[in-house]
Full PDB file with SEQRES, HELIX, SHEET, SSBOND, CRYST1, ORIGX, SCALE, CONECT and MASTER records, all heavy atoms in Angstrom:
SEQRES   1 A   36  ASP PRO ASP ALA VAL ALA THR LEU ARG GLU ALA ILE ASP          
SEQRES   2 A   36  ILE TRP ALA GLU THR THR VAL GLU LEU TRP ASN TYR ARG          
SEQRES   3 A   36  ALA ASP GLY GLU ARG PHE ARG ASN ARG VAL                      
HELIX    1 AA1 PRO A    2  ASP A   13  1                                  12    
SHEET    1 AA1 2 GLU A  21  TYR A  25  0                                        
SHEET    2 AA1 2 ARG A  31  ARG A  35 -1                                        
CRYST1    1.000    1.000    1.000  90.00  90.00  90.00 P 1           1          
ORIGX1      1.000000  0.000000  0.000000        0.00000                         
ORIGX2      0.000000  1.000000  0.000000        0.00000                         
ORIGX3      0.000000  0.000000  1.000000        0.00000                         
SCALE1      1.000000  0.000000  0.000000        0.00000                         
SCALE2      0.000000  1.000000  0.000000        0.00000                         
SCALE3      0.000000  0.000000  1.000000        0.00000                         
ATOM      1  N   ASP A   1       6.268   0.990  -3.695  1.00  0.00           N  
ATOM      2  CA  ASP A   1       6.665  -0.383  -4.006  1.00  0.00           C  
ATOM      3  C   ASP A   1       5.521  -1.127  -4.699  1.00  0.00           C  
ATOM      4  O   ASP A   1       4.474  -1.355  -4.087  1.00  0.00           O  
ATOM      5  CB  ASP A   1       7.055  -1.090  -2.720  1.00  0.00           C  
ATOM      6  CG  ASP A   1       7.509  -2.528  -2.904  1.00  0.00           C  
ATOM      7  OD1 ASP A   1       7.595  -3.008  -4.060  1.00  0.00           O  
ATOM      8  OD2 ASP A   1       7.787  -3.175  -1.884  1.00  0.00           O  
ATOM      9  N   PRO A   2       5.708  -1.540  -5.962  1.00  0.00           N  
ATOM     10  CA  PRO A   2       4.634  -2.244  -6.656  1.00  0.00           C  
ATOM     11  C   PRO A   2       4.287  -3.589  -6.014  1.00  0.00           C  
ATOM     12  O   PRO A   2       3.148  -4.049  -6.107  1.00  0.00           O  
ATOM     13  CB  PRO A   2       5.156  -2.426  -8.084  1.00  0.00           C  
ATOM     14  CG  PRO A   2       6.620  -2.187  -8.013  1.00  0.00           C  
ATOM     15  CD  PRO A   2       6.873  -1.337  -6.807  1.00  0.00           C  
ATOM     16  N   ASP A   3       5.252  -4.208  -5.331  1.00  0.00           N  
ATOM     17  CA  ASP A   3       4.954  -5.473  -4.646  1.00  0.00           C  
ATOM     18  C   ASP A   3       4.003  -5.256  -3.478  1.00  0.00           C  
ATOM     19  O   ASP A   3       3.113  -6.080  -3.232  1.00  0.00           O  
ATOM     20  CB  ASP A   3       6.237  -6.146  -4.157  1.00  0.00           C  
ATOM     21  CG  ASP A   3       7.105  -6.652  -5.305  1.00  0.00           C  
ATOM     22  OD1 ASP A   3       6.570  -6.927  -6.394  1.00  0.00           O  
ATOM     23  OD2 ASP A   3       8.328  -6.770  -5.098  1.00  0.00           O  
ATOM     24  N   ALA A   4       4.158  -4.153  -2.755  1.00  0.00           N  
ATOM     25  CA  ALA A   4       3.244  -3.844  -1.646  1.00  0.00           C  
ATOM     26  C   ALA A   4       1.843  -3.576  -2.180  1.00  0.00           C  
ATOM     27  O   ALA A   4       0.850  -4.040  -1.600  1.00  0.00           O  
ATOM     28  CB  ALA A   4       3.754  -2.650  -0.848  1.00  0.00           C  
ATOM     29  N   VAL A   5       1.750  -2.850  -3.284  1.00  0.00           N  
ATOM     30  CA  VAL A   5       0.445  -2.582  -3.902  1.00  0.00           C  
ATOM     31  C   VAL A   5      -0.185  -3.899  -4.364  1.00  0.00           C  
ATOM     32  O   VAL A   5      -1.383  -4.137  -4.163  1.00  0.00           O  
ATOM     33  CB  VAL A   5       0.579  -1.585  -5.070  1.00  0.00           C  
ATOM     34  CG1 VAL A   5      -0.751  -1.415  -5.800  1.00  0.00           C  
ATOM     35  CG2 VAL A   5       1.093  -0.246  -4.568  1.00  0.00           C  
ATOM     36  N   ALA A   6       0.616  -4.782  -4.945  1.00  0.00           N  
ATOM     37  CA  ALA A   6       0.112  -6.087  -5.391  1.00  0.00           C  
ATOM     38  C   ALA A   6      -0.389  -6.906  -4.209  1.00  0.00           C  
ATOM     39  O   ALA A   6      -1.408  -7.603  -4.317  1.00  0.00           O  
ATOM     40  CB  ALA A   6       1.201  -6.840  -6.150  1.00  0.00           C  
ATOM     41  N   THR A   7       0.304  -6.821  -3.073  1.00  0.00           N  
ATOM     42  CA  THR A   7      -0.135  -7.533  -1.867  1.00  0.00           C  
ATOM     43  C   THR A   7      -1.499  -7.033  -1.417  1.00  0.00           C  
ATOM     44  O   THR A   7      -2.382  -7.839  -1.060  1.00  0.00           O  
ATOM     45  CB  THR A   7       0.902  -7.359  -0.734  1.00  0.00           C  
ATOM     46  OG1 THR A   7       2.128  -7.960  -1.142  1.00  0.00           O  
ATOM     47  CG2 THR A   7       0.429  -7.990   0.565  1.00  0.00           C  
ATOM     48  N   LEU A   8      -1.711  -5.728  -1.438  1.00  0.00           N  
ATOM     49  CA  LEU A   8      -3.024  -5.173  -1.084  1.00  0.00           C  
ATOM     50  C   LEU A   8      -4.108  -5.672  -2.039  1.00  0.00           C  
ATOM     51  O   LEU A   8      -5.185  -6.103  -1.604  1.00  0.00           O  
ATOM     52  CB  LEU A   8      -2.984  -3.647  -1.105  1.00  0.00           C  
ATOM     53  CG  LEU A   8      -2.184  -2.968  -0.005  1.00  0.00           C  
ATOM     54  CD1 LEU A   8      -2.043  -1.481  -0.295  1.00  0.00           C  
ATOM     55  CD2 LEU A   8      -2.824  -3.193   1.357  1.00  0.00           C  
ATOM     56  N   ARG A   9      -3.823  -5.623  -3.320  1.00  0.00           N  
ATOM     57  CA  ARG A   9      -4.824  -6.057  -4.318  1.00  0.00           C  
ATOM     58  C   ARG A   9      -5.147  -7.537  -4.183  1.00  0.00           C  
ATOM     59  O   ARG A   9      -6.304  -7.946  -4.297  1.00  0.00           O  
ATOM     60  CB  ARG A   9      -4.324  -5.724  -5.721  1.00  0.00           C  
ATOM     61  CG  ARG A   9      -4.341  -4.240  -5.973  1.00  0.00           C  
ATOM     62  CD  ARG A   9      -3.923  -3.891  -7.376  1.00  0.00           C  
ATOM     63  NE  ARG A   9      -4.021  -2.440  -7.553  1.00  0.00           N  
ATOM     64  CZ  ARG A   9      -3.292  -1.743  -8.377  1.00  0.00           C  
ATOM     65  NH1 ARG A   9      -2.398  -2.346  -9.142  1.00  0.00           N  
ATOM     66  NH2 ARG A   9      -3.443  -0.438  -8.474  1.00  0.00           N  
ATOM     67  N   GLU A  10      -4.118  -8.343  -3.933  1.00  0.00           N  
ATOM     68  CA  GLU A  10      -4.346  -9.779  -3.768  1.00  0.00           C  
ATOM     69  C   GLU A  10      -5.209 -10.054  -2.542  1.00  0.00           C  
ATOM     70  O   GLU A  10      -6.112 -10.883  -2.587  1.00  0.00           O  
ATOM     71  CB  GLU A  10      -3.017 -10.516  -3.640  1.00  0.00           C  
ATOM     72  CG  GLU A  10      -3.191 -12.019  -3.471  1.00  0.00           C  
ATOM     73  CD  GLU A  10      -1.868 -12.751  -3.335  1.00  0.00           C  
ATOM     74  OE1 GLU A  10      -0.821 -12.193  -3.707  1.00  0.00           O  
ATOM     75  OE2 GLU A  10      -1.902 -13.891  -2.848  1.00  0.00           O  
ATOM     76  N   ALA A  11      -4.934  -9.357  -1.442  1.00  0.00           N  
ATOM     77  CA  ALA A  11      -5.732  -9.543  -0.227  1.00  0.00           C  
ATOM     78  C   ALA A  11      -7.200  -9.215  -0.487  1.00  0.00           C  
ATOM     79  O   ALA A  11      -8.093  -9.933  -0.030  1.00  0.00           O  
ATOM     80  CB  ALA A  11      -5.184  -8.681   0.903  1.00  0.00           C  
ATOM     81  N   ILE A  12      -7.443  -8.155  -1.240  1.00  0.00           N  
ATOM     82  CA  ILE A  12      -8.828  -7.789  -1.580  1.00  0.00           C  
ATOM     83  C   ILE A  12      -9.464  -8.878  -2.423  1.00  0.00           C  
ATOM     84  O   ILE A  12     -10.604  -9.278  -2.194  1.00  0.00           O  
ATOM     85  CB  ILE A  12      -8.863  -6.422  -2.279  1.00  0.00           C  
ATOM     86  CG1 ILE A  12      -8.479  -5.320  -1.279  1.00  0.00           C  
ATOM     87  CG2 ILE A  12     -10.241  -6.155  -2.898  1.00  0.00           C  
ATOM     88  CD1 ILE A  12      -8.198  -3.973  -1.908  1.00  0.00           C  
ATOM     89  N   ASP A  13      -8.720  -9.395  -3.388  1.00  0.00           N  
ATOM     90  CA  ASP A  13      -9.256 -10.434  -4.278  1.00  0.00           C  
ATOM     91  C   ASP A  13      -9.643 -11.707  -3.536  1.00  0.00           C  
ATOM     92  O   ASP A  13     -10.606 -12.374  -3.904  1.00  0.00           O  
ATOM     93  CB  ASP A  13      -8.245 -10.784  -5.368  1.00  0.00           C  
ATOM     94  CG  ASP A  13      -8.108  -9.706  -6.425  1.00  0.00           C  
ATOM     95  OD1 ASP A  13      -8.986  -8.810  -6.505  1.00  0.00           O  
ATOM     96  OD2 ASP A  13      -7.111  -9.750  -7.174  1.00  0.00           O  
ATOM     97  N   ILE A  14      -8.864 -12.048  -2.490  1.00  0.00           N  
ATOM     98  CA  ILE A  14      -9.142 -13.301  -1.768  1.00  0.00           C  
ATOM     99  C   ILE A  14      -9.789 -13.066  -0.406  1.00  0.00           C  
ATOM    100  O   ILE A  14      -9.883 -13.978   0.404  1.00  0.00           O  
ATOM    101  CB  ILE A  14      -7.864 -14.161  -1.631  1.00  0.00           C  
ATOM    102  CG1 ILE A  14      -6.796 -13.453  -0.778  1.00  0.00           C  
ATOM    103  CG2 ILE A  14      -7.307 -14.547  -2.985  1.00  0.00           C  
ATOM    104  CD1 ILE A  14      -5.603 -14.318  -0.409  1.00  0.00           C  
ATOM    105  N   TRP A  15     -10.227 -11.829  -0.158  1.00  0.00           N  
ATOM    106  CA  TRP A  15     -10.927 -11.470   1.070  1.00  0.00           C  
ATOM    107  C   TRP A  15     -10.083 -11.751   2.306  1.00  0.00           C  
ATOM    108  O   TRP A  15     -10.553 -12.331   3.278  1.00  0.00           O  
ATOM    109  CB  TRP A  15     -12.270 -12.199   1.166  1.00  0.00           C  
ATOM    110  CG  TRP A  15     -13.108 -12.048  -0.046  1.00  0.00           C  
ATOM    111  CD1 TRP A  15     -13.204 -12.936  -1.076  1.00  0.00           C  
ATOM    112  CD2 TRP A  15     -13.940 -10.941  -0.404  1.00  0.00           C  
ATOM    113  NE1 TRP A  15     -14.048 -12.451  -2.047  1.00  0.00           N  
ATOM    114  CE2 TRP A  15     -14.516 -11.218  -1.648  1.00  0.00           C  
ATOM    115  CE3 TRP A  15     -14.238  -9.743   0.212  1.00  0.00           C  
ATOM    116  CZ2 TRP A  15     -15.379 -10.354  -2.285  1.00  0.00           C  
ATOM    117  CZ3 TRP A  15     -15.110  -8.872  -0.427  1.00  0.00           C  
ATOM    118  CH2 TRP A  15     -15.665  -9.189  -1.649  1.00  0.00           C  
ATOM    119  N   ALA A  16      -8.820 -11.355   2.274  1.00  0.00           N  
ATOM    120  CA  ALA A  16      -7.898 -11.637   3.372  1.00  0.00           C  
ATOM    121  C   ALA A  16      -7.429 -10.350   4.047  1.00  0.00           C  
ATOM    122  O   ALA A  16      -7.366  -9.295   3.430  1.00  0.00           O  
ATOM    123  CB  ALA A  16      -6.691 -12.399   2.847  1.00  0.00           C  
ATOM    124  N   GLU A  17      -7.058 -10.480   5.308  1.00  0.00           N  
ATOM    125  CA  GLU A  17      -6.473  -9.373   6.061  1.00  0.00           C  
ATOM    126  C   GLU A  17      -5.005  -9.226   5.666  1.00  0.00           C  
ATOM    127  O   GLU A  17      -4.317 -10.222   5.416  1.00  0.00           O  
ATOM    128  CB  GLU A  17      -6.575  -9.696   7.553  1.00  0.00           C  
ATOM    129  CG  GLU A  17      -6.018  -8.656   8.463  1.00  0.00           C  
ATOM    130  CD  GLU A  17      -6.237  -9.002   9.931  1.00  0.00           C  
ATOM    131  OE1 GLU A  17      -7.158  -9.765  10.252  1.00  0.00           O  
ATOM    132  OE2 GLU A  17      -5.457  -8.479  10.749  1.00  0.00           O  
ATOM    133  N   THR A  18      -4.523  -7.994   5.600  1.00  0.00           N  
ATOM    134  CA  THR A  18      -3.108  -7.769   5.297  1.00  0.00           C  
ATOM    135  C   THR A  18      -2.655  -6.412   5.810  1.00  0.00           C  
ATOM    136  O   THR A  18      -3.486  -5.530   6.061  1.00  0.00           O  
ATOM    137  CB  THR A  18      -2.821  -7.877   3.786  1.00  0.00           C  
ATOM    138  OG1 THR A  18      -1.412  -7.975   3.589  1.00  0.00           O  
ATOM    139  CG2 THR A  18      -3.363  -6.688   3.013  1.00  0.00           C  
ATOM    140  N   THR A  19      -1.353  -6.271   5.976  1.00  0.00           N  
ATOM    141  CA  THR A  19      -0.724  -4.996   6.329  1.00  0.00           C  
ATOM    142  C   THR A  19       0.553  -4.874   5.520  1.00  0.00           C  
ATOM    143  O   THR A  19       1.336  -5.833   5.433  1.00  0.00           O  
ATOM    144  CB  THR A  19      -0.393  -4.929   7.826  1.00  0.00           C  
ATOM    145  OG1 THR A  19      -1.610  -5.040   8.581  1.00  0.00           O  
ATOM    146  CG2 THR A  19       0.291  -3.617   8.193  1.00  0.00           C  
ATOM    147  N   VAL A  20       0.758  -3.703   4.925  1.00  0.00           N  
ATOM    148  CA  VAL A  20       1.989  -3.422   4.185  1.00  0.00           C  
ATOM    149  C   VAL A  20       2.497  -2.039   4.569  1.00  0.00           C  
ATOM    150  O   VAL A  20       1.737  -1.204   5.063  1.00  0.00           O  
ATOM    151  CB  VAL A  20       1.789  -3.482   2.652  1.00  0.00           C  
ATOM    152  CG1 VAL A  20       1.329  -4.860   2.215  1.00  0.00           C  
ATOM    153  CG2 VAL A  20       0.823  -2.418   2.172  1.00  0.00           C  
ATOM    154  N   GLU A  21       3.782  -1.803   4.344  1.00  0.00           N  
ATOM    155  CA  GLU A  21       4.352  -0.468   4.477  1.00  0.00           C  
ATOM    156  C   GLU A  21       4.866  -0.053   3.112  1.00  0.00           C  
ATOM    157  O   GLU A  21       5.470  -0.867   2.400  1.00  0.00           O  
ATOM    158  CB  GLU A  21       5.481  -0.437   5.503  1.00  0.00           C  
ATOM    159  CG  GLU A  21       4.980  -0.538   6.912  1.00  0.00           C  
ATOM    160  CD  GLU A  21       6.059  -0.303   7.954  1.00  0.00           C  
ATOM    161  OE1 GLU A  21       7.134   0.232   7.614  1.00  0.00           O  
ATOM    162  OE2 GLU A  21       5.800  -0.648   9.120  1.00  0.00           O  
ATOM    163  N   LEU A  22       4.615   1.204   2.760  1.00  0.00           N  
ATOM    164  CA  LEU A  22       5.051   1.695   1.458  1.00  0.00           C  
ATOM    165  C   LEU A  22       5.175   3.203   1.467  1.00  0.00           C  
ATOM    166  O   LEU A  22       4.722   3.865   2.400  1.00  0.00           O  
ATOM    167  CB  LEU A  22       4.085   1.239   0.361  1.00  0.00           C  
ATOM    168  CG  LEU A  22       2.585   1.450   0.605  1.00  0.00           C  
ATOM    169  CD1 LEU A  22       2.138   2.780   0.062  1.00  0.00           C  
ATOM    170  CD2 LEU A  22       1.812   0.335  -0.036  1.00  0.00           C  
ATOM    171  N   TRP A  23       5.830   3.742   0.441  1.00  0.00           N  
ATOM    172  CA  TRP A  23       5.909   5.191   0.272  1.00  0.00           C  
ATOM    173  C   TRP A  23       4.677   5.665  -0.463  1.00  0.00           C  
ATOM    174  O   TRP A  23       4.307   5.102  -1.498  1.00  0.00           O  
ATOM    175  CB  TRP A  23       7.148   5.590  -0.529  1.00  0.00           C  
ATOM    176  CG  TRP A  23       8.429   5.421   0.214  1.00  0.00           C  
ATOM    177  CD1 TRP A  23       9.360   4.440   0.006  1.00  0.00           C  
ATOM    178  CD2 TRP A  23       8.914   6.225   1.279  1.00  0.00           C  
ATOM    179  NE1 TRP A  23      10.395   4.589   0.893  1.00  0.00           N  
ATOM    180  CE2 TRP A  23      10.162   5.690   1.686  1.00  0.00           C  
ATOM    181  CE3 TRP A  23       8.432   7.355   1.937  1.00  0.00           C  
ATOM    182  CZ2 TRP A  23      10.921   6.235   2.706  1.00  0.00           C  
ATOM    183  CZ3 TRP A  23       9.200   7.897   2.962  1.00  0.00           C  
ATOM    184  CH2 TRP A  23      10.414   7.345   3.331  1.00  0.00           C  
ATOM    185  N   ASN A  24       4.027   6.677   0.067  1.00  0.00           N  
ATOM    186  CA  ASN A  24       2.899   7.334  -0.583  1.00  0.00           C  
ATOM    187  C   ASN A  24       3.224   8.818  -0.718  1.00  0.00           C  
ATOM    188  O   ASN A  24       4.241   9.288  -0.207  1.00  0.00           O  
ATOM    189  CB  ASN A  24       1.597   7.127   0.187  1.00  0.00           C  
ATOM    190  CG  ASN A  24       0.895   5.846  -0.188  1.00  0.00           C  
ATOM    191  OD1 ASN A  24       1.126   5.288  -1.241  1.00  0.00           O  
ATOM    192  ND2 ASN A  24       0.030   5.367   0.673  1.00  0.00           N  
ATOM    193  N   TYR A  25       2.350   9.540  -1.368  1.00  0.00           N  
ATOM    194  CA  TYR A  25       2.597  10.950  -1.666  1.00  0.00           C  
ATOM    195  C   TYR A  25       1.383  11.793  -1.333  1.00  0.00           C  
ATOM    196  O   TYR A  25       0.254  11.397  -1.600  1.00  0.00           O  
ATOM    197  CB  TYR A  25       2.933  11.117  -3.155  1.00  0.00           C  
ATOM    198  CG  TYR A  25       4.236  10.460  -3.512  1.00  0.00           C  
ATOM    199  CD1 TYR A  25       4.305   9.094  -3.736  1.00  0.00           C  
ATOM    200  CD2 TYR A  25       5.398  11.189  -3.568  1.00  0.00           C  
ATOM    201  CE1 TYR A  25       5.501   8.470  -4.025  1.00  0.00           C  
ATOM    202  CE2 TYR A  25       6.613  10.582  -3.855  1.00  0.00           C  
ATOM    203  CZ  TYR A  25       6.650   9.226  -4.088  1.00  0.00           C  
ATOM    204  OH  TYR A  25       7.843   8.613  -4.354  1.00  0.00           O  
ATOM    205  N   ARG A  26       1.642  12.954  -0.792  1.00  0.00           N  
ATOM    206  CA  ARG A  26       0.586  13.933  -0.530  1.00  0.00           C  
ATOM    207  C   ARG A  26       0.236  14.642  -1.835  1.00  0.00           C  
ATOM    208  O   ARG A  26       0.966  14.546  -2.824  1.00  0.00           O  
ATOM    209  CB  ARG A  26       1.053  14.955   0.495  1.00  0.00           C  
ATOM    210  CG  ARG A  26       1.399  14.363   1.830  1.00  0.00           C  
ATOM    211  CD  ARG A  26       1.621  15.470   2.851  1.00  0.00           C  
ATOM    212  NE  ARG A  26       2.100  14.938   4.096  1.00  0.00           N  
ATOM    213  CZ  ARG A  26       1.416  14.184   4.936  1.00  0.00           C  
ATOM    214  NH1 ARG A  26       0.188  13.850   4.651  1.00  0.00           N  
ATOM    215  NH2 ARG A  26       1.937  13.758   6.056  1.00  0.00           N  
ATOM    216  N   ALA A  27      -0.839  15.388  -1.844  1.00  0.00           N  
ATOM    217  CA  ALA A  27      -1.261  16.134  -3.034  1.00  0.00           C  
ATOM    218  C   ALA A  27      -0.186  17.111  -3.501  1.00  0.00           C  
ATOM    219  O   ALA A  27      -0.046  17.360  -4.699  1.00  0.00           O  
ATOM    220  CB  ALA A  27      -2.564  16.879  -2.761  1.00  0.00           C  
ATOM    221  N   ASP A  28       0.615  17.624  -2.548  1.00  0.00           N  
ATOM    222  CA  ASP A  28       1.673  18.563  -2.920  1.00  0.00           C  
ATOM    223  C   ASP A  28       2.958  17.867  -3.371  1.00  0.00           C  
ATOM    224  O   ASP A  28       3.959  18.510  -3.651  1.00  0.00           O  
ATOM    225  CB  ASP A  28       1.977  19.530  -1.781  1.00  0.00           C  
ATOM    226  CG  ASP A  28       2.572  18.851  -0.547  1.00  0.00           C  
ATOM    227  OD1 ASP A  28       2.856  17.625  -0.579  1.00  0.00           O  
ATOM    228  OD2 ASP A  28       2.777  19.541   0.464  1.00  0.00           O  
ATOM    229  N   GLY A  29       2.948  16.522  -3.429  1.00  0.00           N  
ATOM    230  CA  GLY A  29       4.105  15.766  -3.890  1.00  0.00           C  
ATOM    231  C   GLY A  29       5.043  15.303  -2.798  1.00  0.00           C  
ATOM    232  O   GLY A  29       5.983  14.554  -3.062  1.00  0.00           O  
ATOM    233  N   GLU A  30       4.795  15.723  -1.545  1.00  0.00           N  
ATOM    234  CA  GLU A  30       5.654  15.288  -0.443  1.00  0.00           C  
ATOM    235  C   GLU A  30       5.498  13.787  -0.219  1.00  0.00           C  
ATOM    236  O   GLU A  30       4.395  13.267  -0.107  1.00  0.00           O  
ATOM    237  CB  GLU A  30       5.287  16.039   0.844  1.00  0.00           C  
ATOM    238  CG  GLU A  30       6.130  15.610   2.027  1.00  0.00           C  
ATOM    239  CD  GLU A  30       5.658  16.207   3.344  1.00  0.00           C  
ATOM    240  OE1 GLU A  30       4.737  17.049   3.339  1.00  0.00           O  
ATOM    241  OE2 GLU A  30       6.209  15.816   4.380  1.00  0.00           O  
ATOM    242  N   ARG A  31       6.624  13.087  -0.138  1.00  0.00           N  
ATOM    243  CA  ARG A  31       6.624  11.644   0.077  1.00  0.00           C  
ATOM    244  C   ARG A  31       6.559  11.358   1.573  1.00  0.00           C  
ATOM    245  O   ARG A  31       7.167  12.065   2.380  1.00  0.00           O  
ATOM    246  CB  ARG A  31       7.925  11.084  -0.509  1.00  0.00           C  
ATOM    247  CG  ARG A  31       8.034   9.590  -0.455  1.00  0.00           C  
ATOM    248  CD  ARG A  31       9.323   9.160  -1.104  1.00  0.00           C  
ATOM    249  NE  ARG A  31      10.403   9.331  -0.147  1.00  0.00           N  
ATOM    250  CZ  ARG A  31      11.538   8.642  -0.179  1.00  0.00           C  
ATOM    251  NH1 ARG A  31      11.767   7.786  -1.141  1.00  0.00           N  
ATOM    252  NH2 ARG A  31      12.457   8.837   0.738  1.00  0.00           N  
ATOM    253  N   PHE A  32       5.818  10.309   1.956  1.00  0.00           N  
ATOM    254  CA  PHE A  32       5.769   9.888   3.359  1.00  0.00           C  
ATOM    255  C   PHE A  32       5.622   8.379   3.439  1.00  0.00           C  
ATOM    256  O   PHE A  32       5.054   7.749   2.555  1.00  0.00           O  
ATOM    257  CB  PHE A  32       4.633  10.589   4.125  1.00  0.00           C  
ATOM    258  CG  PHE A  32       3.245  10.231   3.656  1.00  0.00           C  
ATOM    259  CD1 PHE A  32       2.494   9.287   4.338  1.00  0.00           C  
ATOM    260  CD2 PHE A  32       2.685  10.832   2.541  1.00  0.00           C  
ATOM    261  CE1 PHE A  32       1.214   8.947   3.930  1.00  0.00           C  
ATOM    262  CE2 PHE A  32       1.409  10.508   2.114  1.00  0.00           C  
ATOM    263  CZ  PHE A  32       0.662   9.564   2.806  1.00  0.00           C  
ATOM    264  N   ARG A  33       6.172   7.797   4.506  1.00  0.00           N  
ATOM    265  CA  ARG A  33       6.078   6.352   4.725  1.00  0.00           C  
ATOM    266  C   ARG A  33       4.729   6.063   5.357  1.00  0.00           C  
ATOM    267  O   ARG A  33       4.296   6.756   6.287  1.00  0.00           O  
ATOM    268  CB  ARG A  33       7.215   5.895   5.645  1.00  0.00           C  
ATOM    269  CG  ARG A  33       7.400   4.419   5.677  1.00  0.00           C  
ATOM    270  CD  ARG A  33       8.115   3.940   4.451  1.00  0.00           C  
ATOM    271  NE  ARG A  33       8.289   2.485   4.527  1.00  0.00           N  
ATOM    272  CZ  ARG A  33       8.395   1.717   3.475  1.00  0.00           C  
ATOM    273  NH1 ARG A  33       8.402   2.232   2.276  1.00  0.00           N  
ATOM    274  NH2 ARG A  33       8.529   0.433   3.610  1.00  0.00           N  
ATOM    275  N   ASN A  34       4.061   5.028   4.863  1.00  0.00           N  
ATOM    276  CA  ASN A  34       2.690   4.751   5.255  1.00  0.00           C  
ATOM    277  C   ASN A  34       2.520   3.257   5.527  1.00  0.00           C  
ATOM    278  O   ASN A  34       3.009   2.424   4.767  1.00  0.00           O  
ATOM    279  CB  ASN A  34       1.784   5.183   4.089  1.00  0.00           C  
ATOM    280  CG  ASN A  34       0.348   5.343   4.464  1.00  0.00           C  
ATOM    281  OD1 ASN A  34       0.014   5.685   5.572  1.00  0.00           O  
ATOM    282  ND2 ASN A  34      -0.517   5.127   3.507  1.00  0.00           N  
ATOM    283  N   ARG A  35       1.843   2.918   6.620  1.00  0.00           N  
ATOM    284  CA  ARG A  35       1.452   1.534   6.906  1.00  0.00           C  
ATOM    285  C   ARG A  35      -0.046   1.436   6.610  1.00  0.00           C  
ATOM    286  O   ARG A  35      -0.844   2.199   7.159  1.00  0.00           O  
ATOM    287  CB  ARG A  35       1.721   1.171   8.361  1.00  0.00           C  
ATOM    288  CG  ARG A  35       1.349  -0.273   8.692  1.00  0.00           C  
ATOM    289  CD  ARG A  35       1.664  -0.615  10.148  1.00  0.00           C  
ATOM    290  NE  ARG A  35       3.069  -0.424  10.438  1.00  0.00           N  
ATOM    291  CZ  ARG A  35       3.544   0.432  11.352  1.00  0.00           C  
ATOM    292  NH1 ARG A  35       2.730   1.176  12.077  1.00  0.00           N  
ATOM    293  NH2 ARG A  35       4.845   0.552  11.556  1.00  0.00           N  
ATOM    294  N   VAL A  36      -0.411   0.512   5.747  1.00  0.00           N  
ATOM    295  CA  VAL A  36      -1.806   0.334   5.359  1.00  0.00           C  
ATOM    296  C   VAL A  36      -2.255  -1.057   5.801  1.00  0.00           C  
ATOM    297  O   VAL A  36      -1.612  -2.059   5.469  1.00  0.00           O  
ATOM    298  CB  VAL A  36      -1.994   0.478   3.833  1.00  0.00           C  
ATOM    299  CG1 VAL A  36      -3.451   0.266   3.435  1.00  0.00           C  
ATOM    300  CG2 VAL A  36      -1.489   1.828   3.347  1.00  0.00           C  
TER     301      VAL A  36                                                      
MASTER        0    0    0    1    2    0    0    6  300    1    0    3          
END                                                                             
């Protein structure tokens, strides 16, 4: 989700705490749900 990635980047820019859930991928291409 590009909105979740944008939320992470915005938090870094403004030095804020945040948590998002999104789909990520392993090196072999397997998709998994991830909370960051």
